[in-house]
Amino acid sequence: RLARERGARAVQILDPRIDSRHWDLVVVPEHDRLRGGNVLTLLGSLNPVDDAWLERARQQFRALCSLPRPRTALLLGGPTRQAPWTLDMLDVALEALRAHVRDEGGSLLATVSRRTPAEVSAPLHAALRGIPGMAWDGGGANPYPGLLACADRIVCTPDSVNMLSEACATRVPVHVVAPGLARGRSAVFLRALLERGRVRPLDAGFEPFAATPLRETARVAAEVRRRLDL
């Protein structure tokens, strides 16, 4: 902002919490309230996931891509005030996923985040017992990019806009655990994904559906270049 006063072009990503006039452009998610002539909105969050990014991840995590198909990737965040899921709810979801893999075949690949409660580890590993797959619980290199790249379907908890945005940037169906739990801005975002048909509730089953990638980063970048005449 201060550099702009000396001739720089300045773009602020996310609501600066002060008047947007201090920037040439401000980029915010649609589920934020900020609007204005120099405000660009996007559905979800900016992320690097595109076909080239996914192909690099496939090459880096070839072992994951050799697991039996269909490969179901489970992305776990953590309970928040806007999405207060519980361990009991997760247990139900894990049992459903385990049963589905045992009936259908394939494999289950799971990863946690920094916000995932430690208590999730035991039921997560129990769910994977006796079926093909893997669970990353924080040790060593994070295989998260590989899960996105190798999945035939993705299952997410409802708490993270970033995680959901990245999952929806792939070309596979995305299923959400208990999306009705979401409140506030998270609910607005999830409702938009549901209305577009980009995600479905996990309890609706695994019937295949068309999945158009949600890739807002390139669109926003092009609009920034246009607006700033770059």
C-alpha atoms as a PDB file:
ATOM      1  CA  ARG A   1       0.000   0.000   0.000  1.00  0.00           C
ATOM      2  CA  LEU A   2       2.804   2.422   0.885  1.00  0.00           C
ATOM      3  CA  ALA A   3       4.786   1.481  -2.230  1.00  0.00           C
ATOM      4  CA  ARG A   4       1.744   2.408  -4.303  1.00  0.00           C
ATOM      5  CA  GLU A   5       2.065   5.979  -3.051  1.00  0.00           C
ATOM      6  CA  ARG A   6       5.458   6.006  -4.803  1.00  0.00           C
ATOM      7  CA  GLY A   7       4.194   4.702  -8.121  1.00  0.00           C
ATOM      8  CA  ALA A   8       3.952   0.914  -7.674  1.00  0.00           C
ATOM      9  CA  ARG A   9       0.880  -1.053  -8.719  1.00  0.00           C
ATOM     10  CA  ALA A  10      -0.653  -2.781  -5.718  1.00  0.00           C
ATOM     11  CA  VAL A  11      -3.039  -5.731  -5.506  1.00  0.00           C
ATOM     12  CA  GLN A  12      -4.315  -6.888  -2.133  1.00  0.00           C
ATOM     13  CA  ILE A  13      -5.425 -10.524  -1.753  1.00  0.00           C
ATOM     14  CA  LEU A  14      -8.168 -10.982   0.889  1.00  0.00           C
ATOM     15  CA  ASP A  15     -10.102  -8.282   2.697  1.00  0.00           C
ATOM     16  CA  PRO A  16      -7.604  -5.709   4.051  1.00  0.00           C
ATOM     17  CA  ARG A  17     -10.127  -4.585   6.713  1.00  0.00           C
ATOM     18  CA  ILE A  18      -9.542  -0.976   5.727  1.00  0.00           C
ATOM     19  CA  ASP A  19     -10.852   1.005   2.755  1.00  0.00           C
ATOM     20  CA  SER A  20     -10.098  -0.771  -0.529  1.00  0.00           C
ATOM     21  CA  ARG A  21      -9.255   2.571  -2.195  1.00  0.00           C
ATOM     22  CA  HIS A  22      -5.670   2.172  -0.916  1.00  0.00           C
ATOM     23  CA  TRP A  23      -5.058  -0.530  -3.579  1.00  0.00           C
ATOM     24  CA  ASP A  24      -5.412  -0.675  -7.331  1.00  0.00           C
ATOM     25  CA  LEU A  25      -7.278  -3.973  -6.955  1.00  0.00           C
ATOM     26  CA  VAL A  26      -8.479  -6.136  -4.082  1.00  0.00           C
ATOM     27  CA  VAL A  27      -9.164  -9.856  -4.630  1.00  0.00           C
ATOM     28  CA  VAL A  28     -11.629 -11.520  -2.238  1.00  0.00           C
ATOM     29  CA  PRO A  29     -13.783 -14.668  -2.147  1.00  0.00           C
ATOM     30  CA  GLU A  30     -17.444 -14.282  -3.107  1.00  0.00           C
ATOM     31  CA  HIS A  31     -18.451 -15.381   0.390  1.00  0.00           C
ATOM     32  CA  ASP A  32     -16.811 -12.234   1.839  1.00  0.00           C
ATOM     33  CA  ARG A  33     -18.948  -9.111   1.944  1.00  0.00           C
ATOM     34  CA  LEU A  34     -16.462  -6.665   0.436  1.00  0.00           C
ATOM     35  CA  ARG A  35     -17.534  -5.207  -2.895  1.00  0.00           C
ATOM     36  CA  GLY A  36     -16.473  -2.181  -4.947  1.00  0.00           C
ATOM     37  CA  GLY A  37     -15.337  -0.964  -8.327  1.00  0.00           C
ATOM     38  CA  ASN A  38     -11.774  -2.191  -7.742  1.00  0.00           C
ATOM     39  CA  VAL A  39     -12.787  -5.445  -6.008  1.00  0.00           C
ATOM     40  CA  LEU A  40     -12.479  -8.758  -7.862  1.00  0.00           C
ATOM     41  CA  THR A  41     -14.365 -11.736  -6.442  1.00  0.00           C
ATOM     42  CA  LEU A  42     -13.782 -15.442  -6.930  1.00  0.00           C
ATOM     43  CA  LEU A  43     -15.483 -18.629  -5.855  1.00  0.00           C
ATOM     44  CA  GLY A  44     -13.316 -20.223  -3.183  1.00  0.00           C
ATOM     45  CA  SER A  45      -9.630 -19.435  -2.875  1.00  0.00           C
ATOM     46  CA  LEU A  46      -6.635 -18.918  -5.142  1.00  0.00           C
ATOM     47  CA  ASN A  47      -4.528 -22.059  -5.593  1.00  0.00           C
ATOM     48  CA  PRO A  48      -1.998 -23.553  -8.039  1.00  0.00           C
ATOM     49  CA  VAL A  49      -3.961 -26.681  -8.984  1.00  0.00           C
ATOM     50  CA  ASP A  50      -4.257 -27.167 -12.742  1.00  0.00           C
ATOM     51  CA  ASP A  51      -3.483 -29.998 -15.178  1.00  0.00           C
ATOM     52  CA  ALA A  52       0.272 -29.317 -15.213  1.00  0.00           C
ATOM     53  CA  TRP A  53       0.416 -29.152 -11.379  1.00  0.00           C
ATOM     54  CA  LEU A  54      -1.480 -32.443 -11.124  1.00  0.00           C
ATOM     55  CA  GLU A  55       0.789 -34.153 -13.659  1.00  0.00           C
ATOM     56  CA  ARG A  56       3.896 -33.109 -11.704  1.00  0.00           C
ATOM     57  CA  ALA A  57       2.298 -34.537  -8.557  1.00  0.00           C
ATOM     58  CA  ARG A  58       1.538 -37.822 -10.358  1.00  0.00           C
ATOM     59  CA  GLN A  59       5.178 -38.127 -11.324  1.00  0.00           C
ATOM     60  CA  GLN A  60       6.330 -37.322  -7.782  1.00  0.00           C
ATOM     61  CA  PHE A  61       3.909 -39.752  -6.100  1.00  0.00           C
ATOM     62  CA  ARG A  62       3.885 -42.673  -8.531  1.00  0.00           C
ATOM     63  CA  ALA A  63       3.442 -45.216  -5.724  1.00  0.00           C
ATOM     64  CA  LEU A  64       0.083 -43.689  -4.795  1.00  0.00           C
ATOM     65  CA  CYS A  65      -1.035 -43.810  -8.408  1.00  0.00           C
ATOM     66  CA  SER A  66      -0.257 -47.539  -8.518  1.00  0.00           C
ATOM     67  CA  LEU A  67      -2.763 -48.367  -5.752  1.00  0.00           C
ATOM     68  CA  PRO A  68      -5.947 -50.192  -6.824  1.00  0.00           C
ATOM     69  CA  ARG A  69      -8.676 -48.158  -8.500  1.00  0.00           C
ATOM     70  CA  PRO A  70     -11.017 -46.534  -7.892  1.00  0.00           C
ATOM     71  CA  ARG A  71      -8.858 -44.529  -5.490  1.00  0.00           C
ATOM     72  CA  THR A  72     -10.811 -42.543  -2.885  1.00  0.00           C
ATOM     73  CA  ALA A  73      -8.865 -39.651  -1.342  1.00  0.00           C
ATOM     74  CA  LEU A  74      -9.998 -38.487   2.102  1.00  0.00           C
ATOM     75  CA  LEU A  75      -8.877 -34.956   3.038  1.00  0.00           C
ATOM     76  CA  LEU A  76      -9.313 -34.163   6.726  1.00  0.00           C
ATOM     77  CA  GLY A  77      -9.252 -30.667   8.155  1.00  0.00           C
ATOM     78  CA  GLY A  78     -10.421 -29.866  11.664  1.00  0.00           C
ATOM     79  CA  PRO A  79     -13.606 -28.739  13.394  1.00  0.00           C
ATOM     80  CA  THR A  80     -14.152 -24.972  13.388  1.00  0.00           C
ATOM     81  CA  ARG A  81     -16.829 -22.614  14.654  1.00  0.00           C
ATOM     82  CA  GLN A  82     -18.184 -22.394  11.109  1.00  0.00           C
ATOM     83  CA  ALA A  83     -18.063 -26.177  10.577  1.00  0.00           C
ATOM     84  CA  PRO A  84     -18.177 -27.953  13.968  1.00  0.00           C
ATOM     85  CA  TRP A  85     -17.966 -31.596  12.902  1.00  0.00           C
ATOM     86  CA  THR A  86     -17.332 -34.196  15.591  1.00  0.00           C
ATOM     87  CA  LEU A  87     -15.368 -37.419  15.939  1.00  0.00           C
ATOM     88  CA  ASP A  88     -18.642 -39.355  16.024  1.00  0.00           C
ATOM     89  CA  MET A  89     -19.579 -37.883  12.641  1.00  0.00           C
ATOM     90  CA  LEU A  90     -16.170 -38.797  11.287  1.00  0.00           C
ATOM     91  CA  ASP A  91     -16.521 -42.357  12.599  1.00  0.00           C
ATOM     92  CA  VAL A  92     -19.753 -42.718  10.609  1.00  0.00           C
ATOM     93  CA  ALA A  93     -18.056 -41.371   7.482  1.00  0.00           C
ATOM     94  CA  LEU A  94     -15.037 -43.668   7.930  1.00  0.00           C
ATOM     95  CA  GLU A  95     -17.240 -46.717   8.342  1.00  0.00           C
ATOM     96  CA  ALA A  96     -19.163 -45.817   5.188  1.00  0.00           C
ATOM     97  CA  LEU A  97     -15.924 -45.322   3.234  1.00  0.00           C
ATOM     98  CA  ARG A  98     -14.447 -48.572   4.521  1.00  0.00           C
ATOM     99  CA  ALA A  99     -17.598 -50.506   3.609  1.00  0.00           C
ATOM    100  CA  HIS A 100     -17.683 -48.952   0.167  1.00  0.00           C
ATOM    101  CA  VAL A 101     -14.061 -49.846  -0.575  1.00  0.00           C
ATOM    102  CA  ARG A 102     -14.594 -53.416   0.643  1.00  0.00           C
ATOM    103  CA  ASP A 103     -17.685 -53.797  -1.567  1.00  0.00           C
ATOM    104  CA  GLU A 104     -16.436 -51.968  -4.643  1.00  0.00           C
ATOM    105  CA  GLY A 105     -12.722 -52.657  -4.478  1.00  0.00           C
ATOM    106  CA  GLY A 106     -10.162 -49.934  -4.948  1.00  0.00           C
ATOM    107  CA  SER A 107      -8.270 -48.169  -2.183  1.00  0.00           C
ATOM    108  CA  LEU A 108      -8.599 -45.421   0.425  1.00  0.00           C
ATOM    109  CA  LEU A 109      -5.942 -42.706   0.731  1.00  0.00           C
ATOM    110  CA  ALA A 110      -6.216 -40.315   3.657  1.00  0.00           C
ATOM    111  CA  THR A 111      -4.328 -37.287   4.877  1.00  0.00           C
ATOM    112  CA  VAL A 112      -4.694 -34.981   7.867  1.00  0.00           C
ATOM    113  CA  SER A 113      -3.934 -31.275   8.270  1.00  0.00           C
ATOM    114  CA  ARG A 114      -2.364 -29.247  11.049  1.00  0.00           C
ATOM    115  CA  ARG A 115      -5.857 -28.647  12.453  1.00  0.00           C
ATOM    116  CA  THR A 116      -6.917 -32.303  12.575  1.00  0.00           C
ATOM    117  CA  PRO A 117      -7.456 -33.470  16.180  1.00  0.00           C
ATOM    118  CA  ALA A 118      -4.949 -36.074  17.394  1.00  0.00           C
ATOM    119  CA  GLU A 119      -7.869 -38.310  18.375  1.00  0.00           C
ATOM    120  CA  VAL A 120      -8.578 -38.892  14.678  1.00  0.00           C
ATOM    121  CA  SER A 121      -5.462 -41.044  14.234  1.00  0.00           C
ATOM    122  CA  ALA A 122      -6.768 -44.253  15.860  1.00  0.00           C
ATOM    123  CA  PRO A 123     -10.129 -44.488  14.029  1.00  0.00           C
ATOM    124  CA  LEU A 124      -8.468 -43.447  10.761  1.00  0.00           C
ATOM    125  CA  HIS A 125      -5.911 -46.267  10.927  1.00  0.00           C
ATOM    126  CA  ALA A 126      -8.610 -48.693  12.070  1.00  0.00           C
ATOM    127  CA  ALA A 127     -10.704 -47.831   9.011  1.00  0.00           C
ATOM    128  CA  LEU A 128      -7.778 -48.685   6.738  1.00  0.00           C
ATOM    129  CA  ARG A 129      -7.034 -52.010   8.385  1.00  0.00           C
ATOM    130  CA  GLY A 130      -7.359 -54.807   5.859  1.00  0.00           C
ATOM    131  CA  ILE A 131      -8.045 -52.646   2.808  1.00  0.00           C
ATOM    132  CA  PRO A 132      -5.592 -51.180   0.275  1.00  0.00           C
ATOM    133  CA  GLY A 133      -4.523 -47.610   0.884  1.00  0.00           C
ATOM    134  CA  MET A 134      -2.526 -45.338   3.136  1.00  0.00           C
ATOM    135  CA  ALA A 135      -2.969 -42.746   5.872  1.00  0.00           C
ATOM    136  CA  TRP A 136      -0.597 -39.837   6.420  1.00  0.00           C
ATOM    137  CA  ASP A 137      -0.679 -38.528   9.971  1.00  0.00           C
ATOM    138  CA  GLY A 138       1.988 -35.842   9.900  1.00  0.00           C
ATOM    139  CA  GLY A 139       5.288 -37.693   9.609  1.00  0.00           C
ATOM    140  CA  GLY A 140       7.624 -37.205   6.652  1.00  0.00           C
ATOM    141  CA  ALA A 141       6.701 -35.618   3.340  1.00  0.00           C
ATOM    142  CA  ASN A 142       3.071 -34.640   2.988  1.00  0.00           C
ATOM    143  CA  PRO A 143       1.514 -36.675   0.125  1.00  0.00           C
ATOM    144  CA  TYR A 144      -1.411 -34.236  -0.222  1.00  0.00           C
ATOM    145  CA  PRO A 145      -0.546 -33.249  -3.835  1.00  0.00           C
ATOM    146  CA  GLY A 146      -0.330 -36.917  -4.738  1.00  0.00           C
ATOM    147  CA  LEU A 147      -3.758 -37.609  -3.288  1.00  0.00           C
ATOM    148  CA  LEU A 148      -5.293 -34.842  -5.392  1.00  0.00           C
ATOM    149  CA  ALA A 149      -3.478 -36.074  -8.487  1.00  0.00           C
ATOM    150  CA  CYS A 150      -4.157 -39.804  -8.147  1.00  0.00           C
ATOM    151  CA  ALA A 151      -7.726 -39.770  -6.814  1.00  0.00           C
ATOM    152  CA  ASP A 152     -10.730 -41.012  -8.763  1.00  0.00           C
ATOM    153  CA  ARG A 153     -12.944 -39.268  -6.203  1.00  0.00           C
ATOM    154  CA  ILE A 154     -12.256 -36.975  -3.257  1.00  0.00           C
ATOM    155  CA  VAL A 155     -13.974 -36.774   0.123  1.00  0.00           C
ATOM    156  CA  CYS A 156     -13.488 -33.626   2.252  1.00  0.00           C
ATOM    157  CA  THR A 157     -14.546 -32.424   5.659  1.00  0.00           C
ATOM    158  CA  PRO A 158     -16.573 -29.172   5.373  1.00  0.00           C
ATOM    159  CA  ASP A 159     -14.296 -26.819   7.310  1.00  0.00           C
ATOM    160  CA  SER A 160     -11.641 -25.548   4.889  1.00  0.00           C
ATOM    161  CA  VAL A 161     -12.333 -23.274   1.929  1.00  0.00           C
ATOM    162  CA  ASN A 162      -8.754 -23.777   0.719  1.00  0.00           C
ATOM    163  CA  MET A 163      -8.947 -27.571   0.874  1.00  0.00           C
ATOM    164  CA  LEU A 164     -12.321 -27.672  -0.867  1.00  0.00           C
ATOM    165  CA  SER A 165     -11.145 -25.222  -3.525  1.00  0.00           C
ATOM    166  CA  GLU A 166      -8.093 -27.368  -4.282  1.00  0.00           C
ATOM    167  CA  ALA A 167     -10.162 -30.554  -4.392  1.00  0.00           C
ATOM    168  CA  CYS A 168     -12.645 -28.899  -6.746  1.00  0.00           C
ATOM    169  CA  ALA A 169      -9.804 -27.761  -9.034  1.00  0.00           C
ATOM    170  CA  THR A 170      -9.249 -31.419  -9.994  1.00  0.00           C
ATOM    171  CA  ARG A 171     -11.310 -33.271 -12.599  1.00  0.00           C
ATOM    172  CA  VAL A 172     -12.898 -35.801 -10.224  1.00  0.00           C
ATOM    173  CA  PRO A 173     -16.127 -35.781  -8.165  1.00  0.00           C
ATOM    174  CA  VAL A 174     -15.889 -34.234  -4.700  1.00  0.00           C
ATOM    175  CA  HIS A 175     -18.028 -35.426  -1.785  1.00  0.00           C
ATOM    176  CA  VAL A 176     -18.375 -33.429   1.443  1.00  0.00           C
ATOM    177  CA  VAL A 177     -18.868 -34.864   4.917  1.00  0.00           C
ATOM    178  CA  ALA A 178     -21.934 -33.242   6.535  1.00  0.00           C
ATOM    179  CA  PRO A 179     -22.040 -30.024   4.444  1.00  0.00           C
ATOM    180  CA  GLY A 180     -25.194 -28.985   6.309  1.00  0.00           C
ATOM    181  CA  LEU A 181     -23.066 -28.320   9.399  1.00  0.00           C
ATOM    182  CA  ALA A 182     -21.429 -25.321   7.774  1.00  0.00           C
ATOM    183  CA  ARG A 183     -22.367 -21.866   9.015  1.00  0.00           C
ATOM    184  CA  GLY A 184     -21.659 -18.282   8.017  1.00  0.00           C
ATOM    185  CA  ARG A 185     -19.247 -17.743   5.132  1.00  0.00           C
ATOM    186  CA  SER A 186     -18.380 -21.442   4.929  1.00  0.00           C
ATOM    187  CA  ALA A 187     -22.063 -22.213   4.383  1.00  0.00           C
ATOM    188  CA  VAL A 188     -22.298 -19.613   1.607  1.00  0.00           C
ATOM    189  CA  PHE A 189     -19.305 -21.154  -0.149  1.00  0.00           C
ATOM    190  CA  LEU A 190     -20.547 -24.730   0.187  1.00  0.00           C
ATOM    191  CA  ARG A 191     -24.017 -23.753  -0.987  1.00  0.00           C
ATOM    192  CA  ALA A 192     -22.493 -22.265  -4.146  1.00  0.00           C
ATOM    193  CA  LEU A 193     -20.569 -25.491  -4.821  1.00  0.00           C
ATOM    194  CA  LEU A 194     -23.680 -27.607  -4.261  1.00  0.00           C
ATOM    195  CA  GLU A 195     -25.803 -25.400  -6.506  1.00  0.00           C
ATOM    196  CA  ARG A 196     -23.215 -25.656  -9.285  1.00  0.00           C
ATOM    197  CA  GLY A 197     -23.170 -29.417  -8.911  1.00  0.00           C
ATOM    198  CA  ARG A 198     -19.427 -29.418  -8.222  1.00  0.00           C
ATOM    199  CA  VAL A 199     -19.791 -31.250  -4.898  1.00  0.00           C
ATOM    200  CA  ARG A 200     -22.304 -33.604  -3.331  1.00  0.00           C
ATOM    201  CA  PRO A 201     -22.922 -34.658   0.268  1.00  0.00           C
ATOM    202  CA  LEU A 202     -21.100 -37.842   1.209  1.00  0.00           C
ATOM    203  CA  ASP A 203     -24.305 -39.434   2.450  1.00  0.00           C
ATOM    204  CA  ALA A 204     -25.800 -39.074  -1.066  1.00  0.00           C
ATOM    205  CA  GLY A 205     -23.620 -41.981  -2.196  1.00  0.00           C
ATOM    206  CA  PHE A 206     -20.918 -42.408  -4.804  1.00  0.00           C
ATOM    207  CA  GLU A 207     -22.938 -42.315  -7.994  1.00  0.00           C
ATOM    208  CA  PRO A 208     -20.540 -40.821 -10.592  1.00  0.00           C
ATOM    209  CA  PHE A 209     -21.237 -37.271 -11.755  1.00  0.00           C
ATOM    210  CA  ALA A 210     -19.651 -34.828 -14.160  1.00  0.00           C
ATOM    211  CA  ALA A 211     -16.931 -32.752 -12.523  1.00  0.00           C
ATOM    212  CA  THR A 212     -15.905 -29.498 -14.184  1.00  0.00           C
ATOM    213  CA  PRO A 213     -12.708 -28.190 -12.542  1.00  0.00           C
ATOM    214  CA  LEU A 214     -13.098 -25.021 -10.495  1.00  0.00           C
ATOM    215  CA  ARG A 215     -10.028 -23.009 -11.498  1.00  0.00           C
ATOM    216  CA  GLU A 216     -10.367 -19.372 -10.563  1.00  0.00           C
ATOM    217  CA  THR A 217      -6.671 -18.454 -10.318  1.00  0.00           C
ATOM    218  CA  ALA A 218      -6.052 -18.126 -14.061  1.00  0.00           C
ATOM    219  CA  ARG A 219      -9.297 -16.190 -14.550  1.00  0.00           C
ATOM    220  CA  VAL A 220      -8.440 -13.741 -11.758  1.00  0.00           C
ATOM    221  CA  ALA A 221      -4.871 -13.324 -13.020  1.00  0.00           C
ATOM    222  CA  ALA A 222      -6.155 -12.501 -16.510  1.00  0.00           C
ATOM    223  CA  GLU A 223      -8.563  -9.936 -15.066  1.00  0.00           C
ATOM    224  CA  VAL A 224      -5.786  -8.349 -13.002  1.00  0.00           C
ATOM    225  CA  ARG A 225      -3.651  -8.013 -16.136  1.00  0.00           C
ATOM    226  CA  ARG A 226      -6.591  -6.498 -18.030  1.00  0.00           C
ATOM    227  CA  ARG A 227      -7.555  -4.049 -15.297  1.00  0.00           C
ATOM    228  CA  LEU A 228      -3.979  -2.876 -14.744  1.00  0.00           C
ATOM    229  CA  ASP A 229      -3.194  -2.856 -18.499  1.00  0.00           C
ATOM    230  CA  LEU A 230      -0.184  -5.150 -18.003  1.00  0.00           C
END
